[in-house]
N, C-alpha and C. Protein backbone atom coordinates (compact mmCIF):
# COMPACT_ATOMS: atom_id res chain seq x y z
N MET A 1 -17.52 4.94 17.13
CA MET A 1 -17.86 4.31 15.98
C MET A 1 -19.02 3.30 16.20
N ALA A 2 -19.87 3.24 15.38
CA ALA A 2 -21.08 2.48 15.33
C ALA A 2 -20.87 1.07 15.75
N CYS A 3 -19.64 0.44 15.26
CA CYS A 3 -19.31 -0.91 15.55
C CYS A 3 -19.23 -1.24 16.92
N ALA A 4 -18.69 -0.29 17.66
CA ALA A 4 -18.45 -0.47 19.03
C ALA A 4 -19.71 -0.78 19.73
N VAL A 5 -20.90 -0.30 19.47
CA VAL A 5 -22.19 -0.33 20.00
C VAL A 5 -22.97 -1.54 19.33
N TRP A 6 -23.08 -1.38 18.18
CA TRP A 6 -23.58 -2.57 17.36
C TRP A 6 -23.51 -2.78 16.02
N GLY A 7 -22.60 -2.04 15.45
CA GLY A 7 -21.78 -1.96 14.46
C GLY A 7 -22.05 -2.33 13.02
N ARG A 8 -21.04 -2.22 12.12
CA ARG A 8 -21.02 -2.60 10.86
C ARG A 8 -20.11 -3.79 10.51
N CYS A 9 -20.17 -4.72 11.44
CA CYS A 9 -19.43 -5.81 11.51
C CYS A 9 -19.72 -6.79 10.18
N GLY A 10 -18.73 -7.30 9.71
CA GLY A 10 -18.96 -8.15 8.47
C GLY A 10 -19.06 -7.45 7.14
N GLN A 11 -18.91 -6.12 7.23
CA GLN A 11 -18.98 -5.34 5.78
C GLN A 11 -17.90 -5.61 5.18
N GLU A 12 -17.94 -5.50 3.76
CA GLU A 12 -16.68 -5.70 3.07
C GLU A 12 -16.26 -4.20 2.63
N SER A 13 -14.98 -3.87 2.63
CA SER A 13 -14.44 -2.52 2.19
C SER A 13 -14.28 -2.54 0.63
N SER A 14 -14.00 -1.52 0.21
CA SER A 14 -13.73 -1.22 -1.34
C SER A 14 -12.58 -2.08 -1.83
N LYS A 15 -11.68 -2.45 -0.66
CA LYS A 15 -10.42 -3.23 -1.16
C LYS A 15 -10.83 -4.74 -1.10
N GLY A 16 -11.99 -5.19 -0.87
CA GLY A 16 -12.45 -6.57 -0.81
C GLY A 16 -12.76 -7.00 0.57
N PRO A 17 -12.91 -8.16 0.84
CA PRO A 17 -13.34 -8.62 2.10
C PRO A 17 -12.16 -8.24 3.28
N ALA A 18 -12.67 -7.98 4.33
CA ALA A 18 -11.83 -7.53 5.64
C ALA A 18 -11.00 -8.86 5.91
N SER A 19 -9.82 -8.38 6.29
CA SER A 19 -8.90 -9.54 6.61
C SER A 19 -9.33 -10.35 7.80
N GLU A 20 -8.85 -11.57 7.96
CA GLU A 20 -9.21 -12.38 8.99
C GLU A 20 -9.02 -11.99 10.34
N GLY A 21 -10.09 -11.82 11.16
CA GLY A 21 -9.97 -11.36 12.51
C GLY A 21 -9.91 -9.75 12.54
N SER A 22 -10.18 -9.14 11.47
CA SER A 22 -10.11 -7.67 11.52
C SER A 22 -11.42 -7.13 12.27
N ARG A 23 -11.57 -5.99 12.74
CA ARG A 23 -12.64 -5.44 13.44
C ARG A 23 -13.89 -5.45 12.56
N ASP A 24 -13.76 -5.17 11.16
CA ASP A 24 -14.85 -5.07 10.39
C ASP A 24 -15.41 -6.68 10.03
N GLU A 25 -14.65 -7.61 10.37
CA GLU A 25 -15.26 -8.95 10.07
C GLU A 25 -15.76 -9.52 11.36
N ARG A 26 -15.25 -9.27 12.47
CA ARG A 26 -15.76 -9.90 13.63
C ARG A 26 -17.14 -9.48 13.99
N GLU A 27 -17.89 -10.22 14.61
CA GLU A 27 -19.22 -9.78 15.16
C GLU A 27 -18.98 -9.29 16.55
N HIS A 28 -19.40 -8.07 16.66
CA HIS A 28 -19.11 -7.61 18.11
C HIS A 28 -20.15 -8.04 19.00
N PRO A 29 -19.86 -8.35 20.19
CA PRO A 29 -20.85 -9.12 21.12
C PRO A 29 -22.09 -8.21 21.40
N LEU A 30 -22.13 -6.95 21.28
CA LEU A 30 -23.27 -6.18 21.59
C LEU A 30 -24.15 -5.89 20.34
N GLU A 31 -23.53 -6.45 19.09
CA GLU A 31 -24.34 -6.09 17.85
C GLU A 31 -25.70 -6.44 17.92
N ARG A 32 -25.96 -7.78 18.40
CA ARG A 32 -27.35 -8.28 18.45
C ARG A 32 -28.23 -7.59 19.33
N ARG A 33 -27.81 -7.24 20.54
CA ARG A 33 -28.40 -6.61 21.46
C ARG A 33 -28.99 -5.22 21.06
N GLY A 34 -28.00 -4.34 20.47
CA GLY A 34 -28.50 -3.12 19.93
C GLY A 34 -29.45 -3.24 18.74
N THR A 35 -29.35 -4.11 17.95
CA THR A 35 -29.92 -4.47 16.74
C THR A 35 -31.29 -4.68 17.17
N ASN A 36 -31.51 -5.66 18.01
CA ASN A 36 -32.82 -6.11 18.57
C ASN A 36 -33.67 -4.90 19.10
N ALA A 37 -32.89 -4.17 19.97
CA ALA A 37 -33.53 -2.95 20.53
C ALA A 37 -34.12 -1.96 19.54
N PHE A 38 -33.25 -1.81 18.52
CA PHE A 38 -33.54 -0.95 17.39
C PHE A 38 -34.83 -1.43 16.66
N LEU A 39 -34.78 -2.71 16.47
CA LEU A 39 -35.80 -3.29 15.78
C LEU A 39 -37.31 -3.16 16.54
N GLN A 40 -37.19 -3.29 17.86
CA GLN A 40 -38.36 -3.24 18.60
C GLN A 40 -38.84 -1.77 18.81
N GLU A 41 -37.85 -0.73 19.22
CA GLU A 41 -38.28 0.51 19.44
C GLU A 41 -38.22 1.54 18.30
N GLY A 42 -37.32 1.33 17.19
CA GLY A 42 -37.30 2.08 16.08
C GLY A 42 -36.46 3.29 16.53
N TYR A 43 -36.81 4.50 15.76
CA TYR A 43 -35.94 5.73 15.95
C TYR A 43 -35.78 6.20 17.34
N MET A 44 -36.81 5.82 18.33
CA MET A 44 -36.74 6.05 19.60
C MET A 44 -35.48 5.45 20.44
N PHE A 45 -35.15 4.38 19.88
CA PHE A 45 -34.04 3.61 20.43
C PHE A 45 -32.85 4.55 20.13
N LEU A 46 -32.82 4.84 18.76
CA LEU A 46 -31.45 5.61 18.22
C LEU A 46 -31.36 6.90 18.97
N PHE A 47 -32.55 7.70 19.31
CA PHE A 47 -32.55 8.76 20.26
C PHE A 47 -32.06 8.38 21.63
N LYS A 48 -32.45 7.45 22.09
CA LYS A 48 -32.27 7.05 23.65
C LYS A 48 -30.64 6.77 23.54
N LEU A 49 -30.19 5.96 22.49
CA LEU A 49 -28.87 5.54 22.45
C LEU A 49 -27.80 6.73 22.36
N SER A 50 -28.32 7.74 21.51
CA SER A 50 -27.44 9.05 21.22
C SER A 50 -27.27 9.72 22.75
N VAL A 51 -28.38 9.74 23.36
CA VAL A 51 -28.35 10.56 24.70
C VAL A 51 -27.58 9.70 25.60
N SER A 52 -27.58 8.46 25.53
CA SER A 52 -26.90 7.63 26.57
C SER A 52 -25.28 7.60 26.20
N ILE A 53 -24.98 7.67 24.84
CA ILE A 53 -23.59 7.94 24.48
C ILE A 53 -22.97 9.16 25.00
N VAL A 54 -23.66 10.42 24.75
CA VAL A 54 -23.34 11.52 25.11
C VAL A 54 -23.31 11.68 26.71
N GLU A 55 -24.25 11.10 27.41
CA GLU A 55 -24.10 11.05 28.80
C GLU A 55 -22.85 10.37 29.29
N ALA A 56 -22.52 9.16 28.70
CA ALA A 56 -21.38 8.18 29.04
C ALA A 56 -19.97 9.06 28.98
N ILE A 57 -19.95 9.92 27.86
CA ILE A 57 -18.69 10.59 27.55
C ILE A 57 -18.70 11.98 27.80
N LYS A 58 -19.70 12.43 28.51
CA LYS A 58 -19.74 14.04 28.74
C LYS A 58 -18.44 14.68 29.28
N ALA A 59 -17.82 13.93 30.17
CA ALA A 59 -16.55 14.54 30.69
C ALA A 59 -15.43 14.84 29.65
N GLN A 60 -15.28 13.63 28.73
CA GLN A 60 -14.36 13.83 27.62
C GLN A 60 -14.77 14.86 26.58
N ILE A 61 -15.98 15.00 26.39
CA ILE A 61 -16.59 15.97 25.55
C ILE A 61 -16.28 17.40 26.03
N LEU A 62 -16.57 17.65 27.28
CA LEU A 62 -16.30 18.85 27.87
C LEU A 62 -14.93 19.24 27.85
N ALA A 63 -14.23 18.25 28.03
CA ALA A 63 -12.68 18.58 28.07
C ALA A 63 -11.95 18.76 26.74
N THR A 64 -12.66 18.56 25.55
CA THR A 64 -12.16 18.79 24.32
C THR A 64 -12.14 20.23 24.10
N LYS A 65 -10.94 20.65 23.56
CA LYS A 65 -10.84 22.05 23.01
C LYS A 65 -11.65 22.30 21.81
N GLN A 66 -12.01 23.52 21.70
CA GLN A 66 -12.82 23.99 20.42
C GLN A 66 -12.05 23.56 19.30
N SER A 67 -10.79 23.83 19.24
CA SER A 67 -9.98 23.51 17.95
C SER A 67 -9.84 22.17 17.75
N GLU A 68 -10.27 21.14 18.43
CA GLU A 68 -9.97 19.79 18.35
C GLU A 68 -11.27 19.02 18.00
N VAL A 69 -11.87 19.50 16.71
CA VAL A 69 -12.92 19.06 16.33
C VAL A 69 -12.88 17.45 15.98
N ASN A 70 -11.68 17.11 15.42
CA ASN A 70 -11.63 15.84 14.96
C ASN A 70 -11.62 14.69 16.35
N LYS A 71 -11.05 15.15 17.42
CA LYS A 71 -11.12 14.44 18.76
C LYS A 71 -12.60 14.34 19.11
N LEU A 72 -13.38 15.41 18.94
CA LEU A 72 -14.69 15.41 19.26
C LEU A 72 -15.57 14.33 18.44
N PHE A 73 -15.10 14.20 17.19
CA PHE A 73 -15.68 13.28 16.39
C PHE A 73 -15.27 11.80 16.73
N GLU A 74 -14.03 11.57 17.03
CA GLU A 74 -13.73 10.27 17.54
C GLU A 74 -14.41 9.83 18.67
N LEU A 75 -14.53 10.81 19.80
CA LEU A 75 -15.44 10.51 20.89
C LEU A 75 -16.85 10.19 20.47
N MET A 76 -17.45 10.88 19.53
CA MET A 76 -18.90 10.61 19.25
C MET A 76 -19.16 9.40 18.60
N ARG A 77 -18.20 9.05 17.70
CA ARG A 77 -18.33 7.74 16.96
C ARG A 77 -17.86 6.54 17.72
N LEU A 78 -17.39 6.82 18.96
CA LEU A 78 -16.71 5.76 19.81
C LEU A 78 -15.60 5.01 19.10
N ASP A 79 -14.70 5.77 18.57
CA ASP A 79 -13.52 5.33 17.75
C ASP A 79 -12.69 4.21 18.71
N GLU A 80 -12.41 3.22 17.86
CA GLU A 80 -11.68 2.11 18.65
C GLU A 80 -10.46 2.67 19.36
N LYS A 81 -9.68 3.46 18.74
CA LYS A 81 -8.45 3.92 19.41
C LYS A 81 -8.64 4.76 20.74
N VAL A 82 -9.87 5.19 20.94
CA VAL A 82 -10.21 5.96 22.14
C VAL A 82 -11.12 5.03 23.07
N PHE A 83 -11.90 4.14 22.67
CA PHE A 83 -12.74 3.31 23.16
C PHE A 83 -12.37 1.75 22.64
N PRO A 84 -11.51 0.90 23.09
CA PRO A 84 -11.26 -0.22 22.58
C PRO A 84 -12.42 -1.12 22.77
N ASP A 85 -12.58 -2.31 21.99
CA ASP A 85 -13.58 -3.25 22.21
C ASP A 85 -13.36 -4.11 23.43
N ASP A 86 -12.05 -4.16 23.93
CA ASP A 86 -12.07 -4.96 25.11
C ASP A 86 -12.72 -4.39 26.47
N ASN A 87 -13.21 -3.22 26.21
CA ASN A 87 -13.87 -2.56 27.48
C ASN A 87 -15.50 -2.71 27.33
N MET A 88 -15.81 -3.92 27.43
CA MET A 88 -17.24 -4.44 27.32
C MET A 88 -18.20 -3.74 28.24
N ASP A 89 -17.76 -3.56 29.46
CA ASP A 89 -18.51 -3.06 30.37
C ASP A 89 -19.08 -1.59 30.09
N PHE A 90 -18.00 -0.83 29.40
CA PHE A 90 -18.67 0.40 28.90
C PHE A 90 -19.59 0.45 28.09
N PHE A 91 -19.43 -0.56 26.91
CA PHE A 91 -20.46 -0.67 25.84
C PHE A 91 -21.88 -1.10 26.47
N LYS A 92 -21.71 -2.03 27.32
CA LYS A 92 -22.85 -2.52 27.97
C LYS A 92 -23.66 -1.47 28.75
N SER A 93 -22.89 -0.75 29.39
CA SER A 93 -23.50 0.30 30.18
C SER A 93 -24.21 1.27 29.24
N ILE A 94 -23.56 1.54 28.08
CA ILE A 94 -24.48 2.52 27.24
C ILE A 94 -25.80 1.94 26.72
N LEU A 95 -25.55 0.79 26.33
CA LEU A 95 -26.79 -0.12 25.81
C LEU A 95 -27.77 -0.11 26.86
N GLN A 96 -27.46 -0.43 28.28
CA GLN A 96 -28.38 -0.58 29.32
C GLN A 96 -29.05 0.70 29.53
N ALA A 97 -28.21 1.87 29.64
CA ALA A 97 -28.74 3.19 29.79
C ALA A 97 -29.69 3.62 28.68
N ALA A 98 -29.40 3.09 27.40
CA ALA A 98 -30.39 3.42 26.38
C ALA A 98 -31.75 2.64 26.47
N LYS A 99 -31.59 1.58 27.07
CA LYS A 99 -32.92 0.69 27.31
C LYS A 99 -33.60 1.23 28.63
N ASP A 100 -32.97 1.69 29.53
CA ASP A 100 -33.49 2.30 30.79
C ASP A 100 -33.93 3.56 30.54
N CYS A 101 -33.50 4.25 29.42
CA CYS A 101 -33.90 5.71 29.35
C CYS A 101 -35.53 5.81 29.28
N ASP A 102 -36.07 6.54 30.16
CA ASP A 102 -37.50 6.75 30.21
C ASP A 102 -37.98 7.94 29.37
N LEU A 103 -37.78 7.64 28.05
CA LEU A 103 -38.15 8.75 26.97
C LEU A 103 -39.24 8.31 26.16
N LYS A 104 -40.24 8.91 26.02
CA LYS A 104 -41.44 8.58 25.17
C LYS A 104 -41.71 9.33 23.93
N SER A 105 -42.25 8.85 22.92
CA SER A 105 -42.47 9.62 21.84
C SER A 105 -43.06 10.90 21.99
N SER A 106 -44.19 10.87 22.92
CA SER A 106 -44.75 12.07 23.28
C SER A 106 -43.80 13.27 23.68
N ASP A 107 -42.89 12.66 24.61
CA ASP A 107 -42.06 13.65 25.18
C ASP A 107 -41.07 14.30 24.00
N ILE A 108 -40.75 13.62 23.02
CA ILE A 108 -39.96 14.15 21.91
C ILE A 108 -40.93 14.95 21.13
N ASP A 109 -42.15 14.83 20.96
CA ASP A 109 -43.01 15.74 20.33
C ASP A 109 -43.13 16.87 20.96
N ALA A 110 -43.41 17.02 22.29
CA ALA A 110 -43.49 17.96 23.04
C ALA A 110 -42.41 18.90 22.99
N MET A 111 -41.20 18.21 23.10
CA MET A 111 -39.80 19.08 22.82
C MET A 111 -39.66 19.80 21.49
N ARG A 112 -40.13 18.91 20.50
CA ARG A 112 -40.04 19.56 19.11
C ARG A 112 -41.01 20.86 19.05
N ALA A 113 -42.33 20.56 19.62
CA ALA A 113 -43.17 21.77 19.67
C ALA A 113 -42.74 22.94 20.27
N THR A 114 -42.12 22.73 21.41
CA THR A 114 -41.65 23.77 22.10
C THR A 114 -40.51 24.61 21.35
N GLN A 115 -39.54 23.75 20.75
CA GLN A 115 -38.32 24.27 20.03
C GLN A 115 -38.98 25.08 18.72
N MET A 116 -39.93 24.59 18.23
CA MET A 116 -40.61 25.14 17.06
C MET A 116 -41.24 26.27 17.28
N LYS A 117 -41.99 26.38 18.52
CA LYS A 117 -42.44 27.60 18.99
C LYS A 117 -41.37 28.93 19.20
N ILE A 118 -40.26 28.49 19.68
CA ILE A 118 -39.29 29.23 20.03
C ILE A 118 -38.57 29.75 18.62
N LEU A 119 -38.51 28.91 17.85
CA LEU A 119 -37.94 29.22 16.45
C LEU A 119 -38.78 30.28 15.70
N GLN A 120 -40.05 29.90 15.89
CA GLN A 120 -41.11 30.70 15.13
C GLN A 120 -41.01 32.17 15.76
N GLU A 121 -40.90 32.38 17.01
CA GLU A 121 -40.71 33.73 17.79
C GLU A 121 -39.57 34.40 17.29
N LYS A 122 -38.31 33.63 17.19
CA LYS A 122 -37.24 34.31 16.96
C LYS A 122 -37.32 34.82 15.25
N LEU A 123 -37.80 33.93 14.43
CA LEU A 123 -38.09 34.31 13.02
C LEU A 123 -39.12 35.50 12.93
N GLU A 124 -39.97 35.62 13.76
CA GLU A 124 -40.97 36.83 13.69
C GLU A 124 -40.17 38.11 13.98
N LYS A 125 -39.42 37.92 15.21
CA LYS A 125 -38.69 39.11 15.46
C LYS A 125 -37.75 39.57 14.40
N VAL A 126 -36.97 38.71 13.82
CA VAL A 126 -36.17 38.90 12.71
C VAL A 126 -36.83 39.49 11.47
N ARG A 127 -38.11 39.05 11.15
CA ARG A 127 -38.76 39.63 10.11
C ARG A 127 -39.22 41.10 10.53
N GLU A 128 -39.66 41.09 11.63
CA GLU A 128 -40.11 42.50 12.23
C GLU A 128 -38.87 43.61 12.00
N ARG A 129 -37.76 43.18 12.39
CA ARG A 129 -36.61 43.96 12.34
C ARG A 129 -36.13 44.23 10.97
N GLU A 130 -36.30 43.22 9.96
CA GLU A 130 -35.98 43.50 8.64
C GLU A 130 -37.03 44.51 7.91
N LYS A 131 -38.37 44.28 8.47
CA LYS A 131 -39.22 45.39 7.94
C LYS A 131 -38.96 46.73 8.36
N GLU A 132 -38.57 46.95 9.74
CA GLU A 132 -38.08 48.19 10.27
C GLU A 132 -36.94 48.67 9.39
N LEU A 133 -35.95 47.97 9.20
CA LEU A 133 -34.70 48.51 8.38
C LEU A 133 -35.31 48.86 7.05
N LYS A 134 -36.02 48.13 6.53
CA LYS A 134 -36.49 48.39 5.03
C LYS A 134 -37.21 49.67 5.18
N ASP A 135 -38.24 49.98 6.00
CA ASP A 135 -39.09 51.13 6.14
C ASP A 135 -38.00 52.33 6.35
N ASP A 136 -37.03 52.11 7.14
CA ASP A 136 -36.33 53.21 7.58
C ASP A 136 -35.21 53.53 6.65
N SER A 137 -34.88 52.71 5.61
CA SER A 137 -33.86 52.92 4.75
C SER A 137 -34.45 54.05 3.72
N ASP A 138 -33.44 54.88 3.33
CA ASP A 138 -33.65 55.95 2.41
C ASP A 138 -32.66 55.73 1.29
N ASP A 139 -33.37 55.06 0.11
CA ASP A 139 -32.57 54.84 -0.97
C ASP A 139 -32.28 56.20 -1.84
N GLU A 140 -32.84 57.15 -1.42
CA GLU A 140 -32.73 58.41 -2.22
C GLU A 140 -31.51 59.01 -2.07
N ILE A 141 -30.81 59.48 -3.01
CA ILE A 141 -29.49 60.14 -3.12
C ILE A 141 -29.74 61.60 -3.01
N VAL A 142 -29.18 62.39 -2.22
CA VAL A 142 -29.35 63.73 -1.95
C VAL A 142 -27.93 64.37 -2.08
N PHE A 143 -27.84 65.28 -3.09
CA PHE A 143 -26.68 65.80 -3.33
C PHE A 143 -26.56 67.21 -2.57
N SER A 144 -25.45 67.71 -2.24
CA SER A 144 -25.40 68.85 -1.29
C SER A 144 -26.01 70.17 -1.92
N ASP A 145 -26.08 70.19 -3.10
CA ASP A 145 -26.63 71.42 -3.83
C ASP A 145 -28.31 71.19 -3.86
N GLU A 146 -28.69 70.07 -3.31
CA GLU A 146 -30.20 69.79 -3.31
C GLU A 146 -30.79 69.92 -2.00
N ASP A 147 -29.88 70.26 -0.84
CA ASP A 147 -30.27 70.26 0.41
C ASP A 147 -31.62 71.12 0.71
N GLU A 148 -32.56 70.65 1.42
CA GLU A 148 -33.62 71.51 1.71
C GLU A 148 -33.29 72.86 2.53
N ASP A 149 -32.22 72.60 3.44
CA ASP A 149 -32.04 73.72 4.31
C ASP A 149 -31.10 74.89 3.66
N GLU A 150 -30.58 74.70 2.40
CA GLU A 150 -29.90 75.59 1.69
C GLU A 150 -30.83 76.76 1.44
N GLU A 151 -30.30 78.09 1.61
CA GLU A 151 -30.92 79.15 1.33
C GLU A 151 -31.15 79.50 -0.18
N ASP A 152 -32.08 80.18 -0.51
CA ASP A 152 -32.46 80.54 -1.95
C ASP A 152 -31.27 81.38 -2.45
N GLU A 153 -31.04 81.14 -3.86
CA GLU A 153 -29.80 81.79 -4.49
C GLU A 153 -29.90 83.32 -4.40
N SER A 154 -31.20 83.80 -4.62
CA SER A 154 -31.43 85.29 -4.54
C SER A 154 -31.02 85.84 -3.14
N GLU A 155 -31.52 85.07 -2.06
CA GLU A 155 -31.23 85.45 -0.58
C GLU A 155 -29.70 85.40 -0.55
N ARG A 156 -29.07 84.40 -0.92
CA ARG A 156 -27.66 84.30 -0.86
C ARG A 156 -26.89 85.57 -1.41
N LEU A 157 -27.25 85.89 -2.63
CA LEU A 157 -26.61 87.03 -3.33
C LEU A 157 -26.91 88.41 -2.67
N ALA A 158 -28.06 88.54 -1.96
CA ALA A 158 -28.48 89.77 -1.31
C ALA A 158 -27.66 89.89 0.11
N ARG A 159 -27.44 88.68 0.68
CA ARG A 159 -26.65 88.76 1.97
C ARG A 159 -25.20 89.01 1.41
N LEU A 160 -24.54 88.42 0.41
CA LEU A 160 -23.25 88.75 0.17
C LEU A 160 -23.20 90.31 -0.14
N ALA A 161 -24.15 90.86 -0.93
CA ALA A 161 -24.00 92.15 -1.41
C ALA A 161 -24.06 93.06 -0.06
N ALA A 162 -24.82 92.72 0.88
CA ALA A 162 -24.86 93.54 2.16
C ALA A 162 -23.53 93.63 2.84
N GLN A 163 -22.76 92.60 2.62
CA GLN A 163 -21.44 92.58 3.43
C GLN A 163 -20.40 93.50 2.97
């Protein structure tokens, strides 16, 4: 959950203000740290934060069964029942890892360019294959009495008469 790292603290639900002391009302101790880092670095900090969250919980992610998608989402949003707020060292380590992450905008741009090139190559192969299939397809319907290999009617009658 986003609140665990820097959160949605203080928001009101559709039922009105959060109850006294509820998680939505209390300020999470790391909220300011994460918000300040985001304001300083922008989207790059969000990218770094995502990478550090995945790195911090990769063992749990890999242990999740394919059929347990809900558990995977609980992990990725740092759900309170999986990661209680009293484990501050865990959250501090995620924020610190995000701040220490040596990732530059140019690195992201290079990765995007590489992936775009790979995607374009795949698309080109697909288009070529589609063109081949279209060129090879024969939409003409051929009935058995129209076969080119079939002998002429007069030849057939002559052959039958000779027997």
